[in-house]
N, C-alpha and C. Protein backbone atom coordinates (compact mmCIF):
# COMPACT_ATOMS: atom_id res chain seq x y z
N MET A 1 51.46 168.61 70.35
CA MET A 1 52.42 168.59 71.28
C MET A 1 52.60 167.09 71.81
N PHE A 2 51.29 166.55 72.47
CA PHE A 2 51.39 165.43 73.06
C PHE A 2 51.72 164.18 72.47
N ALA A 3 51.37 164.10 71.18
CA ALA A 3 51.87 163.22 70.31
C ALA A 3 53.34 162.91 70.15
N ILE A 4 53.94 164.33 70.03
CA ILE A 4 55.52 164.23 70.12
C ILE A 4 56.14 163.51 71.26
N ASN A 5 55.31 164.09 72.21
CA ASN A 5 56.23 163.62 73.78
C ASN A 5 55.82 162.02 73.80
N GLN A 6 55.02 161.51 73.34
CA GLN A 6 54.46 160.10 73.76
C GLN A 6 55.48 159.46 72.55
N ALA A 7 55.87 160.08 71.54
CA ALA A 7 56.48 159.35 70.43
C ALA A 7 57.96 159.14 71.01
N TRP A 8 58.31 160.57 72.08
CA TRP A 8 59.78 160.45 72.33
C TRP A 8 59.82 159.53 73.64
N LEU A 9 58.76 159.46 74.56
CA LEU A 9 58.67 158.55 75.71
C LEU A 9 59.13 156.99 75.01
N GLN A 10 58.27 156.67 73.98
CA GLN A 10 58.36 155.28 73.69
C GLN A 10 59.75 154.88 72.96
N LEU A 11 60.37 156.00 72.26
CA LEU A 11 61.54 155.71 71.73
C LEU A 11 62.62 155.38 72.88
N ALA A 12 62.49 156.28 74.01
CA ALA A 12 63.19 156.45 75.28
C ALA A 12 63.03 154.77 75.66
N LEU A 13 61.79 154.34 76.07
CA LEU A 13 61.40 153.28 76.50
C LEU A 13 62.14 151.98 75.79
N THR A 14 62.30 151.96 74.49
CA THR A 14 62.72 150.99 73.70
C THR A 14 64.27 151.11 73.90
N GLY A 15 64.69 152.16 73.80
CA GLY A 15 66.30 152.27 73.97
C GLY A 15 66.71 151.39 75.25
N ILE A 16 66.05 151.75 76.31
CA ILE A 16 66.06 151.20 77.56
C ILE A 16 65.93 149.84 77.59
N ASP A 17 64.93 149.11 77.07
CA ASP A 17 65.09 147.78 76.79
C ASP A 17 65.99 147.06 75.97
N LEU A 18 66.41 147.87 75.20
CA LEU A 18 67.43 147.11 74.26
C LEU A 18 68.80 147.13 75.06
N LEU A 19 68.63 148.21 75.87
CA LEU A 19 70.23 147.90 76.66
C LEU A 19 70.18 146.86 77.68
N ALA A 20 68.89 146.84 78.18
CA ALA A 20 68.57 145.67 79.36
C ALA A 20 68.83 144.16 78.38
N TRP A 21 68.25 144.00 77.35
CA TRP A 21 68.49 142.86 76.76
C TRP A 21 69.75 142.69 76.02
N THR A 22 70.52 143.52 75.90
CA THR A 22 71.90 143.44 75.37
C THR A 22 72.81 142.93 76.83
N GLN A 23 72.36 143.50 77.69
CA GLN A 23 73.32 143.06 79.00
C GLN A 23 73.01 141.79 79.58
N ASN A 24 71.81 141.45 79.41
CA ASN A 24 71.25 139.98 79.70
C ASN A 24 71.69 138.95 78.96
N LEU A 25 71.74 139.40 77.52
CA LEU A 25 72.32 138.20 76.87
C LEU A 25 73.49 138.06 76.16
N LEU A 26 74.19 139.28 76.26
CA LEU A 26 75.47 139.46 75.46
C LEU A 26 76.53 139.87 76.13
N LEU A 27 76.35 140.87 77.20
CA LEU A 27 77.77 140.94 78.15
C LEU A 27 77.74 140.40 79.22
N ASP A 28 79.22 140.50 79.52
CA ASP A 28 79.78 139.52 80.78
C ASP A 28 80.62 140.60 81.57
N GLY A 29 80.57 139.96 82.90
CA GLY A 29 81.69 140.89 84.11
C GLY A 29 80.98 142.19 84.35
N GLU A 30 81.66 143.33 84.56
CA GLU A 30 81.23 144.43 85.03
C GLU A 30 80.32 145.16 84.05
N LEU A 31 80.41 144.69 82.49
CA LEU A 31 79.46 145.45 81.73
C LEU A 31 77.96 144.94 81.77
N ALA A 32 77.92 143.75 82.22
CA ALA A 32 76.61 143.14 82.63
C ALA A 32 75.60 143.89 83.49
N THR A 33 76.29 144.63 84.31
CA THR A 33 75.58 145.45 85.48
C THR A 33 76.05 146.58 85.46
N ALA A 34 76.50 147.29 84.15
CA ALA A 34 77.04 148.72 84.30
C ALA A 34 75.76 149.47 84.10
N GLU A 35 76.21 150.83 84.46
CA GLU A 35 74.92 151.72 84.05
C GLU A 35 74.99 152.24 82.62
N PRO A 36 74.21 152.65 81.99
CA PRO A 36 73.96 153.21 80.81
C PRO A 36 75.05 154.14 80.27
N LYS A 37 75.73 154.99 81.37
CA LYS A 37 76.57 155.95 81.03
C LYS A 37 78.11 155.06 80.74
N LYS A 38 78.39 154.02 81.15
CA LYS A 38 79.58 153.22 80.89
C LYS A 38 79.11 152.51 79.69
N LEU A 39 77.91 151.87 79.42
CA LEU A 39 77.67 151.28 78.26
C LEU A 39 77.92 152.01 76.91
N ARG A 40 77.22 153.44 77.24
CA ARG A 40 77.61 154.22 76.06
C ARG A 40 79.32 154.71 75.78
N TYR A 41 79.87 154.77 76.73
CA TYR A 41 81.22 155.07 76.64
C TYR A 41 82.16 153.92 76.21
N ARG A 42 81.67 152.79 76.43
CA ARG A 42 82.70 151.59 76.02
C ARG A 42 82.03 150.73 75.00
N LEU A 43 80.70 150.82 74.69
CA LEU A 43 80.17 150.07 73.60
C LEU A 43 79.58 151.00 72.49
N LEU A 44 78.87 151.82 72.94
CA LEU A 44 77.94 152.65 71.73
C LEU A 44 78.95 153.70 71.13
N HIS A 45 80.01 154.48 71.63
CA HIS A 45 80.79 155.28 71.27
C HIS A 45 82.13 154.69 70.64
N VAL A 46 82.01 153.71 70.01
CA VAL A 46 83.17 152.71 69.38
C VAL A 46 83.50 153.40 68.02
N ALA A 47 84.64 153.85 67.84
CA ALA A 47 85.11 154.05 66.52
C ALA A 47 85.21 152.75 65.73
N ALA A 48 84.46 152.51 64.79
CA ALA A 48 84.49 151.65 64.08
C ALA A 48 83.94 151.70 62.74
N ARG A 49 84.13 150.72 62.16
CA ARG A 49 83.97 150.85 60.58
C ARG A 49 82.97 149.51 60.01
N ILE A 50 81.94 149.55 59.49
CA ILE A 50 80.94 148.19 59.02
C ILE A 50 81.56 148.51 57.72
N THR A 51 81.78 147.03 56.88
CA THR A 51 82.20 146.75 55.73
C THR A 51 81.64 145.66 55.04
N ARG A 52 81.21 145.86 53.86
CA ARG A 52 80.73 144.72 53.34
C ARG A 52 81.51 144.11 52.05
N THR A 53 82.13 142.99 52.12
CA THR A 53 82.70 142.51 51.16
C THR A 53 82.73 141.10 50.82
N ALA A 54 82.66 140.42 49.57
CA ALA A 54 82.44 139.00 49.39
C ALA A 54 81.26 138.44 50.31
N ARG A 55 80.23 139.06 50.16
CA ARG A 55 78.62 138.79 50.85
C ARG A 55 78.91 138.58 52.45
N ARG A 56 79.91 139.34 53.22
CA ARG A 56 80.31 139.13 54.31
C ARG A 56 80.23 140.45 54.82
N THR A 57 79.69 140.63 56.06
CA THR A 57 79.38 142.03 56.75
C THR A 57 80.58 141.78 57.89
N ARG A 58 81.46 142.80 58.02
CA ARG A 58 82.44 142.80 59.12
C ARG A 58 82.54 144.39 59.77
N LEU A 59 83.01 144.12 61.11
CA LEU A 59 82.98 145.25 62.16
C LEU A 59 84.52 145.33 62.32
N ALA A 60 84.95 146.61 61.72
CA ALA A 60 86.48 146.76 62.11
C ALA A 60 86.63 147.80 63.00
N ILE A 61 87.20 147.48 64.15
CA ILE A 61 87.57 148.13 65.29
C ILE A 61 88.97 148.09 65.17
N ALA A 62 89.49 149.42 65.74
CA ALA A 62 91.11 149.61 65.90
C ALA A 62 91.47 148.73 67.21
N ALA A 63 92.59 148.30 66.51
CA ALA A 63 93.38 147.01 67.52
C ALA A 63 93.95 147.81 68.94
N ASN A 64 94.13 149.02 68.78
CA ASN A 64 94.43 149.92 70.26
C ASN A 64 93.30 150.38 70.94
N TRP A 65 92.11 150.05 70.59
CA TRP A 65 91.28 150.46 71.47
C TRP A 65 91.24 149.78 72.77
N PRO A 66 91.22 150.42 73.98
CA PRO A 66 91.24 149.54 74.96
C PRO A 66 90.11 148.54 75.30
N TRP A 67 88.98 148.76 74.86
CA TRP A 67 87.77 147.54 75.24
C TRP A 67 87.30 147.02 73.91
N THR A 68 88.30 146.59 73.16
CA THR A 68 88.12 145.76 71.78
C THR A 68 87.21 144.61 72.41
N ASP A 69 87.40 143.64 73.45
CA ASP A 69 87.08 142.51 73.55
C ASP A 69 85.58 142.48 73.92
N ALA A 70 85.05 143.54 74.55
CA ALA A 70 83.64 143.62 74.96
C ALA A 70 82.71 143.60 73.63
N PRO A 71 82.94 144.32 72.48
CA PRO A 71 81.88 144.35 71.39
C PRO A 71 82.28 143.26 70.39
N THR A 72 83.57 142.64 70.74
CA THR A 72 83.83 141.80 69.70
C THR A 72 83.05 140.41 70.33
N SER A 73 83.27 139.85 71.56
CA SER A 73 82.42 139.18 72.39
C SER A 73 80.88 139.48 72.33
N ALA A 74 80.64 140.27 72.36
CA ALA A 74 78.79 140.57 72.25
C ALA A 74 78.62 140.21 70.83
N PHE A 75 79.18 140.59 69.77
CA PHE A 75 78.65 140.24 68.32
C PHE A 75 78.93 138.71 68.21
N ASN A 76 80.08 138.20 68.73
CA ASN A 76 79.67 136.44 68.73
C ASN A 76 78.76 136.02 69.16
N LYS A 77 78.41 136.35 70.51
CA LYS A 77 77.21 135.76 71.19
C LYS A 77 76.17 136.03 70.33
N LEU A 78 75.83 137.10 69.81
CA LEU A 78 74.69 137.47 69.05
C LEU A 78 74.50 136.38 67.87
N ALA A 79 75.74 136.41 67.34
CA ALA A 79 75.71 135.55 66.04
C ALA A 79 75.26 134.17 66.41
N ALA A 80 75.74 133.71 67.83
CA ALA A 80 75.54 132.22 68.05
C ALA A 80 74.14 132.01 68.74
N LEU A 81 73.23 133.12 68.87
CA LEU A 81 72.00 132.93 69.40
C LEU A 81 71.10 131.99 68.29
N PRO A 82 70.24 131.43 68.57
CA PRO A 82 69.26 130.61 67.73
C PRO A 82 68.56 131.69 67.15
N ARG A 83 68.13 131.37 65.66
CA ARG A 83 67.26 132.37 64.92
C ARG A 83 65.94 132.17 65.37
N PRO A 84 65.21 133.35 65.44
CA PRO A 84 63.88 133.33 65.89
C PRO A 84 62.81 132.48 64.79
N THR A 85 61.68 131.73 65.38
CA THR A 85 61.03 130.92 64.82
C THR A 85 59.45 131.33 64.78
N GLY A 86 58.59 130.68 64.02
CA GLY A 86 57.15 131.26 64.46
C GLY A 86 56.76 132.39 63.56
N CYS A 87 56.19 133.55 64.46
CA CYS A 87 55.57 134.19 63.64
C CYS A 87 56.49 135.32 63.01
N PHE A 88 57.88 135.28 63.63
CA PHE A 88 58.69 136.32 63.00
C PHE A 88 59.38 135.62 61.70
N GLU A 89 59.21 134.59 61.17
CA GLU A 89 60.05 133.80 60.28
C GLU A 89 59.36 134.19 58.88
N THR A 90 60.16 134.77 57.84
CA THR A 90 59.58 135.44 56.68
C THR A 90 60.09 134.33 55.55
N HIS A 91 61.00 133.86 55.98
CA HIS A 91 61.72 132.98 54.74
C HIS A 91 61.74 131.62 54.82
N ALA A 92 62.21 130.72 54.07
CA ALA A 92 62.34 129.19 54.49
C ALA A 92 63.23 128.84 55.28
N PRO A 93 63.30 127.94 56.17
CA PRO A 93 64.10 127.41 56.82
C PRO A 93 65.49 126.99 56.18
N THR A 94 66.48 127.43 56.78
CA THR A 94 67.78 127.18 56.38
C THR A 94 68.32 125.73 56.63
N SER A 95 69.33 125.60 55.66
CA SER A 95 69.61 123.91 55.95
C SER A 95 70.86 123.88 56.69
N ASN A 96 71.18 122.94 57.37
CA ASN A 96 72.09 122.69 58.33
C ASN A 96 73.54 123.45 57.65
N THR A 97 73.87 123.33 56.61
CA THR A 97 75.23 123.80 56.08
C THR A 97 75.18 125.31 55.97
N GLU A 98 74.14 125.84 55.84
CA GLU A 98 73.90 127.32 55.88
C GLU A 98 74.14 127.96 57.31
N GLU A 99 73.50 127.31 58.23
CA GLU A 99 73.49 127.69 59.83
C GLU A 99 75.09 127.32 60.09
N GLN A 100 75.69 126.45 59.56
CA GLN A 100 77.36 126.13 60.12
C GLN A 100 78.20 127.60 59.64
N LYS A 101 77.73 128.26 58.04
CA LYS A 101 78.31 129.08 57.64
C LYS A 101 78.08 130.45 58.71
N ARG A 102 77.13 130.69 59.12
CA ARG A 102 76.80 131.71 60.28
C ARG A 102 77.42 131.81 61.53
N GLN A 103 78.03 130.75 61.93
CA GLN A 103 78.50 130.73 63.27
C GLN A 103 80.04 131.25 63.19
N PRO A 104 79.96 131.92 64.30
CA PRO A 104 80.70 133.06 64.37
C PRO A 104 82.19 132.61 64.23
N THR A 105 83.27 132.96 63.82
CA THR A 105 84.60 132.64 63.47
C THR A 105 85.55 133.81 64.38
N SER A 106 86.72 132.82 64.89
CA SER A 106 87.35 133.71 65.76
C SER A 106 88.52 134.19 65.14
N SER A 107 88.47 135.60 65.36
CA SER A 107 89.78 136.20 64.62
C SER A 107 90.58 137.17 65.45
N ASN A 108 91.66 137.14 65.60
CA ASN A 108 92.32 138.26 66.27
C ASN A 108 92.78 139.41 65.46
N SER A 109 92.41 139.33 64.28
CA SER A 109 93.12 140.46 63.60
C SER A 109 92.41 141.78 63.95
N SER A 110 93.43 142.73 63.67
CA SER A 110 93.06 143.90 64.15
C SER A 110 91.93 144.35 63.32
N TYR A 111 91.84 143.98 62.00
CA TYR A 111 90.93 144.20 60.88
C TYR A 111 89.32 144.25 61.37
N GLY A 112 88.85 143.24 61.71
CA GLY A 112 87.54 143.32 62.40
C GLY A 112 87.11 141.74 62.35
N PHE A 113 85.82 141.63 62.62
CA PHE A 113 85.02 140.16 62.28
C PHE A 113 84.02 140.14 61.88
N PRO A 114 83.42 138.70 61.27
CA PRO A 114 82.15 138.69 60.61
C PRO A 114 81.07 139.41 61.51
N LEU A 115 79.80 139.63 60.64
CA LEU A 115 78.64 140.14 61.92
C LEU A 115 77.55 139.08 61.57
N GLU A 116 77.81 138.33 60.19
CA GLU A 116 76.76 137.42 59.86
C GLU A 116 77.31 136.11 59.39
């Protein structure tokens, strides 16, 4: 029983760390300092669809959802972060042209925006 509680605690602490890093690196304004309840309501409970077509992954969010800008901005910031190097690198370094393909594109379409 103790091992189950230990695993549960570790998962809860990992979730808290992920929310803290998301707030520090990706969110602006009131969401950067928001409590977890508000983050769950505005970011994690988003009705969206992840699709993959033409080797592109896209996140489709309804255009009439009131907080569309927050996850869109967060994903664009995430895509703009530099790739990790060193011990995490498992593939050959990318060329400059491949890195340019990964840069976020601005899209005002109601369908979605690229994730990679």
